[in-house]
Protein backbone atom coordinates (compact mmCIF):
# COMPACT_ATOMS: atom_id res chain seq x y z
CA MET A 1 9.64 -62.00 75.11
CA ALA A 2 10.85 -58.87 76.89
CA LEU A 3 14.45 -60.11 77.00
CA PRO A 4 15.05 -60.07 73.20
CA LEU A 5 13.52 -56.59 73.00
CA ALA A 6 15.75 -55.34 75.82
CA ALA A 7 18.80 -56.95 74.23
CA GLY A 8 18.08 -55.30 70.88
CA SER A 9 17.55 -51.85 72.40
CA THR A 10 20.76 -52.20 74.41
CA ALA A 11 22.66 -53.10 71.24
CA LEU A 12 21.29 -50.01 69.49
CA ARG A 13 22.36 -47.89 72.45
CA PHE A 14 25.88 -49.32 72.05
CA LEU A 15 25.83 -48.27 68.38
CA ARG A 16 24.87 -44.70 69.26
CA THR A 17 27.64 -44.55 71.85
CA LEU A 18 30.16 -45.92 69.37
CA TYR A 19 29.16 -43.32 66.79
CA LYS A 20 29.61 -40.46 69.26
CA ALA A 21 32.99 -41.81 70.32
CA LYS A 22 34.08 -42.27 66.70
CA LYS A 23 33.15 -38.68 65.95
CA LYS A 24 35.18 -37.33 68.89
CA VAL A 25 38.19 -39.53 68.15
CA GLY A 26 38.17 -38.43 64.51
CA LYS A 27 38.01 -34.74 65.33
CA GLY A 28 40.70 -35.01 68.01
CA ALA A 29 43.02 -36.97 65.76
CA SER A 30 42.52 -34.51 62.94
CA LYS A 31 43.40 -31.57 65.18
CA ALA A 32 46.42 -33.38 66.62
CA ALA A 33 47.70 -34.37 63.17
CA SER A 34 47.36 -30.85 61.77
CA TYR A 35 49.07 -29.37 64.85
CA ALA A 36 51.97 -31.82 64.58
CA GLY A 37 52.29 -31.11 60.86
CA LYS A 38 52.37 -27.34 61.42
CA LYS A 39 55.01 -27.67 64.14
CA GLY A 40 57.36 -29.53 61.80
CA PHE A 41 56.71 -33.16 62.75
CA PRO A 42 55.44 -34.76 59.51
CA LYS A 43 56.11 -38.37 60.57
CA THR A 44 54.18 -37.87 63.80
CA SER A 45 51.33 -36.37 61.79
CA GLN A 46 51.34 -39.40 59.48
CA PHE A 47 51.33 -41.76 62.45
CA ILE A 48 48.37 -39.98 64.05
CA THR A 49 46.45 -40.05 60.78
CA GLY A 50 47.17 -43.78 60.30
CA ALA A 51 46.12 -44.58 63.85
CA SER A 52 42.91 -42.62 63.34
CA GLN A 53 42.12 -44.56 60.16
CA LYS A 54 42.72 -47.88 61.91
CA THR A 55 40.49 -46.78 64.79
CA HIS A 56 37.78 -45.91 62.27
CA LYS A 57 38.04 -49.37 60.70
CA GLY A 58 37.76 -50.95 64.15
CA PHE A 59 34.65 -48.91 64.96
CA MET A 60 33.06 -49.93 61.67
CA ALA A 61 33.84 -53.60 62.29
CA SER A 62 32.34 -53.43 65.77
CA LYS A 63 29.28 -51.65 64.37
CA ARG A 64 28.75 -54.44 61.83
CA ALA A 65 29.19 -57.09 64.54
CA ILE A 66 26.68 -55.39 66.85
CA LYS A 67 24.13 -55.11 64.05
CA LYS A 68 24.65 -58.75 63.10
CA TYR A 69 24.59 -60.12 66.68
CA PRO A 70 22.58 -57.71 68.87
CA LYS A 71 21.77 -60.22 71.62
CA THR A 72 25.37 -61.38 71.95
CA SER A 73 26.66 -57.81 72.07
CA ALA A 74 24.08 -56.91 74.72
CA ALA A 75 25.10 -59.95 76.78
CA ILE A 76 28.78 -59.01 76.54
CA GLY A 77 28.00 -55.41 77.48
CA GLY A 78 25.96 -56.59 80.44
CA ALA A 79 28.76 -58.89 81.58
CA VAL A 80 31.28 -56.06 81.38
CA ALA A 81 28.97 -53.71 83.29
CA TRP A 82 28.34 -56.36 85.92
CA ASP A 83 32.06 -56.95 86.28
CA MET A 84 32.73 -53.24 86.75
CA LEU A 85 29.92 -52.88 89.28
CA ASP A 86 30.96 -56.05 91.10
CA ASP A 87 34.52 -54.77 91.62
CA ALA A 88 33.41 -51.39 92.96
């Protein structure tokens, strides 16, 4: 019974990490787009804004998937972590 609880808490930790990353990506993209626009590169600014919006959509999709399948997402996260630790 401890395994499902651990899987669910790991999935929620992934969600918190995703939210923090989304926040930083959004702020960074906003600053970069405004800087490019002020320096006279409107197309670059549009590209940065579009990429930021697509990144946001990807984060939201992953958030929905993690909430829908917490055990699967925890298993995938564990496999990735194991793979990184195994290579080190």
